[in-house]
Amino acid sequence: MKLNPESEPIKKAPSRMEAKNEQTTKAARLIIDGELSKRVAKTERLRAMRLAQEAVDAAAAEAAPKKPAKTPRKKVAAAKA
């Protein structure tokens, strides 16, 4: 069933100011979305590097020989004059 042209809502063209605002909004959203994707990529890269470094540190800690615990020294009484 085809609608009558008279029954369809009339689409009003945006004013010059609205068109300019829409253009500015689109440009701003493109910039913000680009920054967001860069930030997410950087976070993932840094997280992967941190996890790799923690794995290396944990392996080095397990491989290193453990030092024996030091025994506390006894205090020597100071000579009285």
PDB file of N, CA and C in Angstrom:
ATOM      1  N   MET A   1       0.839  -1.167   0.000  1.00  0.00           N
ATOM      2  CA  MET A   1       0.000   0.000   0.000  1.00  0.00           C
ATOM      3  C   MET A   1       0.885   1.232   0.000  1.00  0.00           C
ATOM      4  N   LYS A   2       0.660   2.101  -0.925  1.00  0.00           N
ATOM      5  CA  LYS A   2       1.456   3.309  -1.068  1.00  0.00           C
ATOM      6  C   LYS A   2       0.768   4.451  -0.331  1.00  0.00           C
ATOM      7  N   LEU A   3       1.575   5.203   0.397  1.00  0.00           N
ATOM      8  CA  LEU A   3       1.015   6.330   1.140  1.00  0.00           C
ATOM      9  C   LEU A   3       0.808   7.516   0.211  1.00  0.00           C
ATOM     10  N   ASN A   4      -0.171   8.265   0.519  1.00  0.00           N
ATOM     11  CA  ASN A   4      -0.413   9.483  -0.241  1.00  0.00           C
ATOM     12  C   ASN A   4       0.637  10.518   0.124  1.00  0.00           C
ATOM     13  N   PRO A   5       1.115  11.283  -0.834  1.00  0.00           N
ATOM     14  CA  PRO A   5       2.098  12.318  -0.507  1.00  0.00           C
ATOM     15  C   PRO A   5       1.561  13.329   0.492  1.00  0.00           C
ATOM     16  N   GLU A   6       0.270  13.486   0.524  1.00  0.00           N
ATOM     17  CA  GLU A   6      -0.318  14.452   1.441  1.00  0.00           C
ATOM     18  C   GLU A   6      -0.278  13.944   2.884  1.00  0.00           C
ATOM     19  N   SER A   7      -0.305  12.618   3.084  1.00  0.00           N
ATOM     20  CA  SER A   7      -0.339  12.077   4.436  1.00  0.00           C
ATOM     21  C   SER A   7       1.061  11.913   5.035  1.00  0.00           C
ATOM     22  N   GLU A   8       2.119  11.938   4.205  1.00  0.00           N
ATOM     23  CA  GLU A   8       3.483  11.814   4.710  1.00  0.00           C
ATOM     24  C   GLU A   8       3.898  13.118   5.385  1.00  0.00           C
ATOM     25  N   PRO A   9       4.657  13.006   6.462  1.00  0.00           N
ATOM     26  CA  PRO A   9       5.095  14.235   7.131  1.00  0.00           C
ATOM     27  C   PRO A   9       6.080  14.993   6.237  1.00  0.00           C
ATOM     28  N   ILE A  10       5.977  16.272   6.296  1.00  0.00           N
ATOM     29  CA  ILE A  10       6.855  17.126   5.495  1.00  0.00           C
ATOM     30  C   ILE A  10       8.178  17.261   6.237  1.00  0.00           C
ATOM     31  N   LYS A  11       9.256  16.930   5.538  1.00  0.00           N
ATOM     32  CA  LYS A  11      10.581  17.041   6.142  1.00  0.00           C
ATOM     33  C   LYS A  11      11.116  18.429   5.845  1.00  0.00           C
ATOM     34  N   LYS A  12      11.359  19.138   6.909  1.00  0.00           N
ATOM     35  CA  LYS A  12      11.853  20.495   6.771  1.00  0.00           C
ATOM     36  C   LYS A  12      13.373  20.449   6.715  1.00  0.00           C
ATOM     37  N   ALA A  13      13.953  21.159   5.792  1.00  0.00           N
ATOM     38  CA  ALA A  13      15.410  21.211   5.679  1.00  0.00           C
ATOM     39  C   ALA A  13      15.959  21.955   6.892  1.00  0.00           C
ATOM     40  N   PRO A  14      17.090  21.466   7.431  1.00  0.00           N
ATOM     41  CA  PRO A  14      17.650  22.164   8.591  1.00  0.00           C
ATOM     42  C   PRO A  14      18.123  23.565   8.210  1.00  0.00           C
ATOM     43  N   SER A  15      18.024  24.443   9.169  1.00  0.00           N
ATOM     44  CA  SER A  15      18.476  25.807   8.913  1.00  0.00           C
ATOM     45  C   SER A  15      19.990  25.812   8.755  1.00  0.00           C
ATOM     46  N   ARG A  16      20.510  26.926   8.318  1.00  0.00           N
ATOM     47  CA  ARG A  16      21.951  27.032   8.103  1.00  0.00           C
ATOM     48  C   ARG A  16      22.693  26.846   9.421  1.00  0.00           C
ATOM     49  N   MET A  17      22.161  27.378  10.494  1.00  0.00           N
ATOM     50  CA  MET A  17      22.791  27.253  11.806  1.00  0.00           C
ATOM     51  C   MET A  17      22.752  25.800  12.289  1.00  0.00           C
ATOM     52  N   GLU A  18      21.624  25.132  12.099  1.00  0.00           N
ATOM     53  CA  GLU A  18      21.518  23.727  12.499  1.00  0.00           C
ATOM     54  C   GLU A  18      22.466  22.850  11.695  1.00  0.00           C
ATOM     55  N   ALA A  19      22.591  23.141  10.404  1.00  0.00           N
ATOM     56  CA  ALA A  19      23.504  22.366   9.556  1.00  0.00           C
ATOM     57  C   ALA A  19      24.945  22.560  10.013  1.00  0.00           C
ATOM     58  N   LYS A  20      25.305  23.778  10.347  1.00  0.00           N
ATOM     59  CA  LYS A  20      26.667  24.062  10.821  1.00  0.00           C
ATOM     60  C   LYS A  20      26.909  23.365  12.159  1.00  0.00           C
ATOM     61  N   ASN A  21      25.924  23.404  13.053  1.00  0.00           N
ATOM     62  CA  ASN A  21      26.054  22.720  14.344  1.00  0.00           C
ATOM     63  C   ASN A  21      26.207  21.214  14.155  1.00  0.00           C
ATOM     64  N   GLU A  22      25.447  20.647  13.241  1.00  0.00           N
ATOM     65  CA  GLU A  22      25.537  19.211  12.970  1.00  0.00           C
ATOM     66  C   GLU A  22      26.913  18.855  12.407  1.00  0.00           C
ATOM     67  N   GLN A  23      27.427  19.696  11.538  1.00  0.00           N
ATOM     68  CA  GLN A  23      28.754  19.464  10.960  1.00  0.00           C
ATOM     69  C   GLN A  23      29.825  19.517  12.052  1.00  0.00           C
ATOM     70  N   THR A  24      29.727  20.489  12.947  1.00  0.00           N
ATOM     71  CA  THR A  24      30.682  20.621  14.043  1.00  0.00           C
ATOM     72  C   THR A  24      30.588  19.424  14.987  1.00  0.00           C
ATOM     73  N   THR A  25      29.375  18.989  15.273  1.00  0.00           N
ATOM     74  CA  THR A  25      29.174  17.843  16.152  1.00  0.00           C
ATOM     75  C   THR A  25      29.786  16.580  15.557  1.00  0.00           C
ATOM     76  N   LYS A  26      29.586  16.369  14.266  1.00  0.00           N
ATOM     77  CA  LYS A  26      30.162  15.191  13.612  1.00  0.00           C
ATOM     78  C   LYS A  26      31.684  15.224  13.670  1.00  0.00           C
ATOM     79  N   ALA A  27      32.273  16.402  13.418  1.00  0.00           N
ATOM     80  CA  ALA A  27      33.737  16.526  13.456  1.00  0.00           C
ATOM     81  C   ALA A  27      34.258  16.252  14.864  1.00  0.00           C
ATOM     82  N   ALA A  28      33.577  16.793  15.863  1.00  0.00           N
ATOM     83  CA  ALA A  28      34.005  16.589  17.248  1.00  0.00           C
ATOM     84  C   ALA A  28      33.898  15.117  17.639  1.00  0.00           C
ATOM     85  N   ARG A  29      32.836  14.458  17.229  1.00  0.00           N
ATOM     86  CA  ARG A  29      32.674  13.034  17.564  1.00  0.00           C
ATOM     87  C   ARG A  29      33.729  12.176  16.882  1.00  0.00           C
ATOM     88  N   LEU A  30      34.104  12.531  15.650  1.00  0.00           N
ATOM     89  CA  LEU A  30      35.176  11.799  14.975  1.00  0.00           C
ATOM     90  C   LEU A  30      36.486  11.927  15.747  1.00  0.00           C
ATOM     91  N   ILE A  31      36.781  13.130  16.203  1.00  0.00           N
ATOM     92  CA  ILE A  31      38.016  13.361  16.960  1.00  0.00           C
ATOM     93  C   ILE A  31      37.979  12.590  18.274  1.00  0.00           C
ATOM     94  N   ILE A  32      36.871  12.673  18.984  1.00  0.00           N
ATOM     95  CA  ILE A  32      36.739  12.002  20.281  1.00  0.00           C
ATOM     96  C   ILE A  32      36.821  10.488  20.117  1.00  0.00           C
ATOM     97  N   ASP A  33      36.160   9.951  19.095  1.00  0.00           N
ATOM     98  CA  ASP A  33      36.217   8.503  18.859  1.00  0.00           C
ATOM     99  C   ASP A  33      37.628   8.058  18.498  1.00  0.00           C
ATOM    100  N   GLY A  34      38.345   8.882  17.733  1.00  0.00           N
ATOM    101  CA  GLY A  34      39.731   8.562  17.394  1.00  0.00           C
ATOM    102  C   GLY A  34      40.612   8.533  18.624  1.00  0.00           C
ATOM    103  N   GLU A  35      40.439   9.520  19.500  1.00  0.00           N
ATOM    104  CA  GLU A  35      41.222   9.565  20.737  1.00  0.00           C
ATOM    105  C   GLU A  35      40.895   8.371  21.628  1.00  0.00           C
ATOM    106  N   LEU A  36      39.639   8.001  21.673  1.00  0.00           N
ATOM    107  CA  LEU A  36      39.229   6.855  22.491  1.00  0.00           C
ATOM    108  C   LEU A  36      39.883   5.571  21.996  1.00  0.00           C
ATOM    109  N   SER A  37      39.869   5.367  20.691  1.00  0.00           N
ATOM    110  CA  SER A  37      40.467   4.137  20.159  1.00  0.00           C
ATOM    111  C   SER A  37      41.976   4.119  20.387  1.00  0.00           C
ATOM    112  N   LYS A  38      42.628   5.281  20.289  1.00  0.00           N
ATOM    113  CA  LYS A  38      44.069   5.348  20.562  1.00  0.00           C
ATOM    114  C   LYS A  38      44.351   5.041  22.029  1.00  0.00           C
ATOM    115  N   ARG A  39      43.526   5.577  22.920  1.00  0.00           N
ATOM    116  CA  ARG A  39      43.723   5.356  24.351  1.00  0.00           C
ATOM    117  C   ARG A  39      43.524   3.889  24.711  1.00  0.00           C
ATOM    118  N   VAL A  40      42.512   3.262  24.143  1.00  0.00           N
ATOM    119  CA  VAL A  40      42.257   1.845  24.415  1.00  0.00           C
ATOM    120  C   VAL A  40      43.414   0.992  23.902  1.00  0.00           C
ATOM    121  N   ALA A  41      43.907   1.313  22.705  1.00  0.00           N
ATOM    122  CA  ALA A  41      45.028   0.552  22.144  1.00  0.00           C
ATOM    123  C   ALA A  41      46.274   0.707  23.006  1.00  0.00           C
ATOM    124  N   LYS A  42      46.520   1.925  23.485  1.00  0.00           N
ATOM    125  CA  LYS A  42      47.693   2.175  24.334  1.00  0.00           C
ATOM    126  C   LYS A  42      47.564   1.413  25.649  1.00  0.00           C
ATOM    127  N   THR A  43      46.362   1.418  26.226  1.00  0.00           N
ATOM    128  CA  THR A  43      46.136   0.713  27.483  1.00  0.00           C
ATOM    129  C   THR A  43      46.380  -0.783  27.312  1.00  0.00           C
ATOM    130  N   GLU A  44      45.886  -1.354  26.234  1.00  0.00           N
ATOM    131  CA  GLU A  44      46.091  -2.782  25.981  1.00  0.00           C
ATOM    132  C   GLU A  44      47.573  -3.095  25.785  1.00  0.00           C
ATOM    133  N   ARG A  45      48.270  -2.228  25.057  1.00  0.00           N
ATOM    134  CA  ARG A  45      49.700  -2.440  24.816  1.00  0.00           C
ATOM    135  C   ARG A  45      50.478  -2.374  26.123  1.00  0.00           C
ATOM    136  N   LEU A  46      50.186  -1.371  26.948  1.00  0.00           N
ATOM    137  CA  LEU A  46      50.889  -1.230  28.221  1.00  0.00           C
ATOM    138  C   LEU A  46      50.561  -2.380  29.173  1.00  0.00           C
ATOM    139  N   ARG A  47      49.317  -2.840  29.168  1.00  0.00           N
ATOM    140  CA  ARG A  47      48.929  -3.964  30.024  1.00  0.00           C
ATOM    141  C   ARG A  47      49.697  -5.224  29.617  1.00  0.00           C
ATOM    142  N   ALA A  48      49.801  -5.456  28.319  1.00  0.00           N
ATOM    143  CA  ALA A  48      50.535  -6.632  27.839  1.00  0.00           C
ATOM    144  C   ALA A  48      52.009  -6.541  28.228  1.00  0.00           C
ATOM    145  N   MET A  49      52.596  -5.352  28.116  1.00  0.00           N
ATOM    146  CA  MET A  49      53.996  -5.174  28.495  1.00  0.00           C
ATOM    147  C   MET A  49      54.186  -5.400  29.993  1.00  0.00           C
ATOM    148  N   ARG A  50      53.251  -4.893  30.804  1.00  0.00           N
ATOM    149  CA  ARG A  50      53.345  -5.054  32.255  1.00  0.00           C
ATOM    150  C   ARG A  50      53.238  -6.521  32.649  1.00  0.00           C
ATOM    151  N   LEU A  51      52.295  -7.231  32.050  1.00  0.00           N
ATOM    152  CA  LEU A  51      52.139  -8.650  32.368  1.00  0.00           C
ATOM    153  C   LEU A  51      53.369  -9.449  31.951  1.00  0.00           C
ATOM    154  N   ALA A  52      53.956  -9.104  30.819  1.00  0.00           N
ATOM    155  CA  ALA A  52      55.174  -9.794  30.381  1.00  0.00           C
ATOM    156  C   ALA A  52      56.316  -9.522  31.353  1.00  0.00           C
ATOM    157  N   GLN A  53      56.436  -8.271  31.801  1.00  0.00           N
ATOM    158  CA  GLN A  53      57.503  -7.913  32.742  1.00  0.00           C
ATOM    159  C   GLN A  53      57.291  -8.607  34.084  1.00  0.00           C
ATOM    160  N   GLU A  54      56.045  -8.691  34.538  1.00  0.00           N
ATOM    161  CA  GLU A  54      55.768  -9.385  35.794  1.00  0.00           C
ATOM    162  C   GLU A  54      56.112 -10.867  35.689  1.00  0.00           C
ATOM    163  N   ALA A  55      55.871 -11.467  34.535  1.00  0.00           N
ATOM    164  CA  ALA A  55      56.213 -12.877  34.345  1.00  0.00           C
ATOM    165  C   ALA A  55      57.721 -13.068  34.389  1.00  0.00           C
ATOM    166  N   VAL A  56      58.463 -12.151  33.775  1.00  0.00           N
ATOM    167  CA  VAL A  56      59.928 -12.231  33.794  1.00  0.00           C
ATOM    168  C   VAL A  56      60.440 -12.055  35.215  1.00  0.00           C
ATOM    169  N   ASP A  57      59.885 -11.083  35.937  1.00  0.00           N
ATOM    170  CA  ASP A  57      60.311 -10.843  37.319  1.00  0.00           C
ATOM    171  C   ASP A  57      60.002 -12.047  38.211  1.00  0.00           C
ATOM    172  N   ALA A  58      58.847 -12.664  38.020  1.00  0.00           N
ATOM    173  CA  ALA A  58      58.480 -13.828  38.830  1.00  0.00           C
ATOM    174  C   ALA A  58      59.412 -14.998  38.535  1.00  0.00           C
ATOM    175  N   ALA A  59      59.759 -15.186  37.277  1.00  0.00           N
ATOM    176  CA  ALA A  59      60.675 -16.271  36.916  1.00  0.00           C
ATOM    177  C   ALA A  59      62.062 -16.013  37.486  1.00  0.00           C
ATOM    178  N   ALA A  60      62.500 -14.767  37.473  1.00  0.00           N
ATOM    179  CA  ALA A  60      63.811 -14.425  38.018  1.00  0.00           C
ATOM    180  C   ALA A  60      63.826 -14.613  39.531  1.00  0.00           C
ATOM    181  N   ALA A  61      62.729 -14.291  40.194  1.00  0.00           N
ATOM    182  CA  ALA A  61      62.660 -14.444  41.644  1.00  0.00           C
ATOM    183  C   ALA A  61      62.697 -15.925  42.034  1.00  0.00           C
ATOM    184  N   GLU A  62      62.068 -16.771  41.251  1.00  0.00           N
ATOM    185  CA  GLU A  62      62.080 -18.204  41.550  1.00  0.00           C
ATOM    186  C   GLU A  62      63.445 -18.815  41.273  1.00  0.00           C
ATOM    187  N   ALA A  63      64.137 -18.316  40.269  1.00  0.00           N
ATOM    188  CA  ALA A  63      65.433 -18.878  39.890  1.00  0.00           C
ATOM    189  C   ALA A  63      66.556 -18.396  40.799  1.00  0.00           C
ATOM    190  N   ALA A  64      66.403 -17.249  41.418  1.00  0.00           N
ATOM    191  CA  ALA A  64      67.453 -16.693  42.269  1.00  0.00           C
ATOM    192  C   ALA A  64      67.574 -17.529  43.541  1.00  0.00           C
ATOM    193  N   PRO A  65      68.817 -17.808  43.976  1.00  0.00           N
ATOM    194  CA  PRO A  65      68.986 -18.572  45.222  1.00  0.00           C
ATOM    195  C   PRO A  65      68.544 -17.718  46.409  1.00  0.00           C
ATOM    196  N   LYS A  66      67.935 -18.377  47.370  1.00  0.00           N
ATOM    197  CA  LYS A  66      67.462 -17.655  48.545  1.00  0.00           C
ATOM    198  C   LYS A  66      68.610 -17.479  49.523  1.00  0.00           C
ATOM    199  N   LYS A  67      68.691 -16.283  50.076  1.00  0.00           N
ATOM    200  CA  LYS A  67      69.732 -15.988  51.062  1.00  0.00           C
ATOM    201  C   LYS A  67      69.261 -16.482  52.424  1.00  0.00           C
ATOM    202  N   PRO A  68      70.183 -16.999  53.225  1.00  0.00           N
ATOM    203  CA  PRO A  68      69.774 -17.437  54.566  1.00  0.00           C
ATOM    204  C   PRO A  68      69.404 -16.218  55.419  1.00  0.00           C
ATOM    205  N   ALA A  69      68.496 -16.432  56.322  1.00  0.00           N
ATOM    206  CA  ALA A  69      68.060 -15.344  57.187  1.00  0.00           C
ATOM    207  C   ALA A  69      69.190 -14.954  58.130  1.00  0.00           C
ATOM    208  N   LYS A  70      69.330 -13.667  58.329  1.00  0.00           N
ATOM    209  CA  LYS A  70      70.376 -13.186  59.237  1.00  0.00           C
ATOM    210  C   LYS A  70      69.896 -13.336  60.676  1.00  0.00           C
ATOM    211  N   THR A  71      70.826 -13.735  61.534  1.00  0.00           N
ATOM    212  CA  THR A  71      70.490 -13.833  62.951  1.00  0.00           C
ATOM    213  C   THR A  71      70.784 -12.488  63.593  1.00  0.00           C
ATOM    214  N   PRO A  72      69.943 -12.044  64.476  1.00  0.00           N
ATOM    215  CA  PRO A  72      70.181 -10.740  65.101  1.00  0.00           C
ATOM    216  C   PRO A  72      71.410 -10.791  66.012  1.00  0.00           C
ATOM    217  N   ARG A  73      72.142  -9.715  66.010  1.00  0.00           N
ATOM    218  CA  ARG A  73      73.328  -9.629  66.866  1.00  0.00           C
ATOM    219  C   ARG A  73      72.903  -9.289  68.283  1.00  0.00           C
ATOM    220  N   LYS A  74      73.694  -9.779  69.218  1.00  0.00           N
ATOM    221  CA  LYS A  74      73.430  -9.449  70.612  1.00  0.00           C
ATOM    222  C   LYS A  74      74.037  -8.087  70.897  1.00  0.00           C
ATOM    223  N   LYS A  75      73.311  -7.312  71.661  1.00  0.00           N
ATOM    224  CA  LYS A  75      73.808  -5.984  72.003  1.00  0.00           C
ATOM    225  C   LYS A  75      74.886  -6.114  73.064  1.00  0.00           C
ATOM    226  N   VAL A  76      75.950  -5.372  72.865  1.00  0.00           N
ATOM    227  CA  VAL A  76      77.043  -5.371  73.835  1.00  0.00           C
ATOM    228  C   VAL A  76      76.828  -4.172  74.745  1.00  0.00           C
ATOM    229  N   ALA A  77      76.907  -4.418  76.050  1.00  0.00           N
ATOM    230  CA  ALA A  77      76.706  -3.335  77.008  1.00  0.00           C
ATOM    231  C   ALA A  77      77.854  -2.349  76.887  1.00  0.00           C
ATOM    232  N   ALA A  78      77.523  -1.094  76.893  1.00  0.00           N
ATOM    233  CA  ALA A  78      78.553  -0.057  76.778  1.00  0.00           C
ATOM    234  C   ALA A  78      79.345  -0.002  78.083  1.00  0.00           C
ATOM    235  N   ALA A  79      80.637   0.223  77.946  1.00  0.00           N
ATOM    236  CA  ALA A  79      81.507   0.287  79.131  1.00  0.00           C
ATOM    237  C   ALA A  79      81.201   1.567  79.890  1.00  0.00           C
ATOM    238  N   LYS A  80      81.045   1.419  81.210  1.00  0.00           N
ATOM    239  CA  LYS A  80      80.759   2.594  82.026  1.00  0.00           C
ATOM    240  C   LYS A  80      82.065   3.235  82.441  1.00  0.00           C
ATOM    241  N   ALA A  81      82.081   4.522  82.422  1.00  0.00           N
ATOM    242  CA  ALA A  81      83.311   5.214  82.791  1.00  0.00           C
ATOM    243  C   ALA A  81      83.321   5.666  84.211  1.00  0.00           C
TER     244      ALA A  81
END
